[in-house]
N, C-alpha and C. Protein backbone atom coordinates (compact mmCIF):
# COMPACT_ATOMS: atom_id res chain seq x y z
N UNK A 1 0.85 -1.18 0.00
CA UNK A 1 0.00 0.00 0.00
C UNK A 1 0.88 1.24 0.00
N UNK A 2 0.53 2.22 -0.81
CA UNK A 2 1.30 3.46 -0.91
C UNK A 2 1.09 4.32 0.32
N UNK A 3 2.11 5.10 0.66
CA UNK A 3 1.94 6.03 1.77
C UNK A 3 1.27 7.29 1.24
N UNK A 4 0.71 8.09 2.14
CA UNK A 4 0.05 9.34 1.74
C UNK A 4 1.08 10.28 1.13
N UNK A 5 2.30 10.31 1.67
CA UNK A 5 3.33 11.20 1.16
C UNK A 5 3.66 10.87 -0.29
N UNK A 6 3.87 9.58 -0.59
CA UNK A 6 4.23 9.23 -1.95
C UNK A 6 3.06 9.50 -2.90
N UNK A 7 1.83 9.33 -2.44
CA UNK A 7 0.69 9.60 -3.31
C UNK A 7 0.59 11.09 -3.59
N UNK A 8 0.92 11.94 -2.61
CA UNK A 8 0.89 13.38 -2.82
C UNK A 8 1.96 13.79 -3.82
N UNK A 9 3.09 13.15 -3.77
CA UNK A 9 4.18 13.47 -4.68
C UNK A 9 3.88 13.03 -6.10
N UNK A 10 3.19 11.92 -6.27
CA UNK A 10 2.90 11.40 -7.60
C UNK A 10 1.58 11.88 -8.15
N UNK A 11 0.71 12.40 -7.30
CA UNK A 11 -0.60 12.85 -7.73
C UNK A 11 -1.61 11.72 -7.85
N UNK A 12 -1.28 10.54 -7.39
CA UNK A 12 -2.20 9.41 -7.45
C UNK A 12 -3.16 9.45 -6.27
N UNK A 13 -4.43 9.21 -6.54
CA UNK A 13 -5.42 9.10 -5.47
C UNK A 13 -5.39 7.67 -4.96
N UNK A 14 -5.13 7.49 -3.66
CA UNK A 14 -5.07 6.14 -3.11
C UNK A 14 -6.36 5.77 -2.41
N UNK A 15 -7.24 6.74 -2.18
CA UNK A 15 -8.52 6.49 -1.56
C UNK A 15 -8.47 6.56 -0.04
N UNK A 16 -9.59 6.93 0.54
CA UNK A 16 -9.72 7.02 1.99
C UNK A 16 -10.98 6.27 2.41
N UNK A 17 -10.85 5.26 3.25
CA UNK A 17 -12.03 4.54 3.68
C UNK A 17 -12.95 5.37 4.57
N UNK A 18 -12.41 6.40 5.22
CA UNK A 18 -13.20 7.23 6.13
C UNK A 18 -13.38 8.65 5.60
N UNK A 19 -13.45 8.80 4.29
CA UNK A 19 -13.53 10.13 3.67
C UNK A 19 -14.73 10.92 4.15
N UNK A 20 -15.87 10.29 4.31
CA UNK A 20 -17.08 11.00 4.74
C UNK A 20 -16.91 11.58 6.15
N UNK A 21 -16.31 10.80 7.05
CA UNK A 21 -16.04 11.27 8.41
C UNK A 21 -15.08 12.47 8.37
N UNK A 22 -14.01 12.36 7.59
CA UNK A 22 -13.04 13.44 7.50
C UNK A 22 -13.65 14.71 6.91
N UNK A 23 -14.57 14.54 5.99
CA UNK A 23 -15.25 15.68 5.37
C UNK A 23 -15.97 16.51 6.43
N UNK A 24 -16.53 15.85 7.41
CA UNK A 24 -17.24 16.55 8.48
C UNK A 24 -16.31 17.04 9.58
N UNK A 25 -15.28 16.27 9.88
CA UNK A 25 -14.42 16.54 11.03
C UNK A 25 -13.30 17.54 10.76
N UNK A 26 -12.70 17.51 9.58
CA UNK A 26 -11.54 18.36 9.30
C UNK A 26 -11.77 19.86 9.43
N UNK A 27 -12.85 20.42 8.90
CA UNK A 27 -13.04 21.88 9.06
C UNK A 27 -13.08 22.29 10.53
N UNK A 28 -13.73 21.49 11.37
CA UNK A 28 -13.79 21.81 12.80
C UNK A 28 -12.42 21.72 13.45
N UNK A 29 -11.67 20.69 13.13
CA UNK A 29 -10.33 20.52 13.72
C UNK A 29 -9.39 21.63 13.28
N UNK A 30 -9.43 21.99 12.01
CA UNK A 30 -8.57 23.08 11.53
C UNK A 30 -8.88 24.39 12.22
N UNK A 31 -10.16 24.67 12.39
CA UNK A 31 -10.57 25.90 13.06
C UNK A 31 -10.17 25.86 14.53
N UNK A 32 -10.39 24.71 15.17
CA UNK A 32 -10.09 24.56 16.60
C UNK A 32 -8.59 24.61 16.90
N UNK A 33 -7.79 23.91 16.10
CA UNK A 33 -6.36 23.78 16.39
C UNK A 33 -5.50 24.91 15.82
N UNK A 34 -5.89 25.43 14.65
CA UNK A 34 -5.04 26.43 14.00
C UNK A 34 -5.73 27.77 13.80
N UNK A 35 -7.00 27.84 14.10
CA UNK A 35 -7.72 29.09 13.89
C UNK A 35 -7.88 29.44 12.42
N UNK A 36 -7.78 28.44 11.55
CA UNK A 36 -7.86 28.66 10.11
C UNK A 36 -9.17 28.10 9.57
N UNK A 37 -9.75 28.84 8.64
CA UNK A 37 -10.96 28.36 7.98
C UNK A 37 -10.56 27.63 6.70
N UNK A 38 -11.23 26.53 6.42
CA UNK A 38 -10.92 25.76 5.23
C UNK A 38 -12.19 25.16 4.65
N UNK A 39 -12.20 25.02 3.36
CA UNK A 39 -13.29 24.34 2.68
C UNK A 39 -12.79 22.94 2.35
N UNK A 40 -13.55 21.93 2.74
CA UNK A 40 -13.15 20.54 2.52
C UNK A 40 -14.15 19.92 1.55
N UNK A 41 -13.62 19.40 0.44
CA UNK A 41 -14.46 18.82 -0.60
C UNK A 41 -14.20 17.33 -0.72
N UNK A 42 -15.24 16.56 -0.95
CA UNK A 42 -15.11 15.14 -1.21
C UNK A 42 -15.04 14.96 -2.72
N UNK A 43 -13.97 14.34 -3.19
CA UNK A 43 -13.75 14.13 -4.62
C UNK A 43 -13.57 12.64 -4.89
N UNK A 44 -13.62 12.26 -6.14
CA UNK A 44 -13.42 10.87 -6.51
C UNK A 44 -12.62 10.80 -7.80
N UNK A 45 -11.65 9.89 -7.82
CA UNK A 45 -10.82 9.68 -9.00
C UNK A 45 -10.57 8.19 -9.14
N UNK A 46 -10.86 7.66 -10.30
CA UNK A 46 -10.68 6.23 -10.56
C UNK A 46 -11.38 5.36 -9.51
N UNK A 47 -12.56 5.80 -9.09
CA UNK A 47 -13.33 5.03 -8.12
C UNK A 47 -12.84 5.12 -6.69
N UNK A 48 -11.87 5.99 -6.43
CA UNK A 48 -11.34 6.15 -5.07
C UNK A 48 -11.68 7.53 -4.55
N UNK A 49 -12.23 7.58 -3.35
CA UNK A 49 -12.60 8.86 -2.74
C UNK A 49 -11.39 9.47 -2.05
N UNK A 50 -11.30 10.79 -2.17
CA UNK A 50 -10.25 11.53 -1.48
C UNK A 50 -10.80 12.90 -1.13
N UNK A 51 -10.10 13.62 -0.28
CA UNK A 51 -10.56 14.94 0.12
C UNK A 51 -9.61 16.00 -0.41
N UNK A 52 -10.19 17.15 -0.69
CA UNK A 52 -9.44 18.32 -1.13
C UNK A 52 -9.66 19.38 -0.07
N UNK A 53 -8.57 19.97 0.42
CA UNK A 53 -8.66 21.03 1.43
C UNK A 53 -8.23 22.34 0.78
N UNK A 54 -9.13 23.31 0.81
CA UNK A 54 -8.87 24.61 0.18
C UNK A 54 -8.88 25.68 1.27
N UNK A 55 -7.79 26.43 1.37
CA UNK A 55 -7.71 27.52 2.34
C UNK A 55 -7.34 28.81 1.63
N UNK A 56 -7.76 29.89 2.22
CA UNK A 56 -7.37 31.21 1.70
C UNK A 56 -5.97 31.53 2.20
N UNK A 57 -5.33 32.44 1.50
CA UNK A 57 -4.01 32.89 1.94
C UNK A 57 -4.14 33.72 3.21
N UNK A 58 -3.25 33.52 4.15
CA UNK A 58 -3.22 34.31 5.38
C UNK A 58 -1.96 35.16 5.36
N UNK A 59 -2.10 36.42 5.73
CA UNK A 59 -0.93 37.30 5.73
C UNK A 59 -0.06 37.08 6.96
N UNK A 60 -0.65 36.55 8.03
CA UNK A 60 0.09 36.29 9.26
C UNK A 60 0.30 34.79 9.44
N UNK A 61 1.37 34.40 10.13
CA UNK A 61 1.59 32.98 10.41
C UNK A 61 0.45 32.39 11.24
N UNK A 62 0.24 31.10 11.12
CA UNK A 62 -0.79 30.37 11.85
C UNK A 62 -0.13 29.62 13.00
N UNK A 63 -0.71 29.70 14.18
CA UNK A 63 -0.19 29.02 15.36
C UNK A 63 -0.80 27.62 15.47
N UNK A 64 0.05 26.63 15.68
CA UNK A 64 -0.40 25.25 15.89
C UNK A 64 0.42 24.67 17.02
N UNK A 65 -0.21 24.41 18.16
CA UNK A 65 0.45 23.89 19.36
C UNK A 65 1.66 24.73 19.76
N UNK A 66 1.51 26.04 19.71
CA UNK A 66 2.55 26.94 20.17
C UNK A 66 3.66 27.23 19.16
N UNK A 67 3.62 26.60 18.00
CA UNK A 67 4.60 26.87 16.93
C UNK A 67 3.89 27.60 15.81
N UNK A 68 4.59 28.51 15.17
CA UNK A 68 3.99 29.31 14.10
C UNK A 68 4.48 28.85 12.74
N UNK A 69 3.53 28.81 11.80
CA UNK A 69 3.83 28.34 10.44
C UNK A 69 3.31 29.36 9.44
N UNK A 70 4.06 29.53 8.35
CA UNK A 70 3.61 30.40 7.29
C UNK A 70 3.87 29.68 5.97
N UNK A 71 2.87 29.69 5.12
CA UNK A 71 2.99 29.00 3.85
C UNK A 71 3.98 29.74 2.95
N UNK A 72 4.80 28.95 2.30
CA UNK A 72 5.76 29.48 1.34
C UNK A 72 5.66 28.64 0.07
N UNK A 73 5.13 29.21 -0.97
CA UNK A 73 4.93 28.44 -2.21
C UNK A 73 3.87 27.38 -1.99
N UNK A 74 4.21 26.14 -2.27
CA UNK A 74 3.25 25.03 -2.12
C UNK A 74 3.41 24.31 -0.80
N UNK A 75 4.26 24.80 0.08
CA UNK A 75 4.50 24.09 1.34
C UNK A 75 4.07 24.91 2.54
C-alpha cells in the first residue's frame, strides 16, 4: 500500500475509507487547532474517494500547538 506522502508526490489518489467522516471533522479541527478556515471537498478519481482542502491565503503565520507556520509556495 502506498503512503500518503508518496501519493501526494505522484498525484495518485489512493482512496480514503473514512472520507465521509473526515469531510465533516476536518473543518472543525482546523478551526479549533489552527484558527484557520478551510473548505473541505469530497472528490473521486478512478473510483477512489479523497478529500481536497482549500484555504485562503493568510498574511500572518498560523499558530499550531505553540509553533507558528507560514505558507511558502506550495509548502
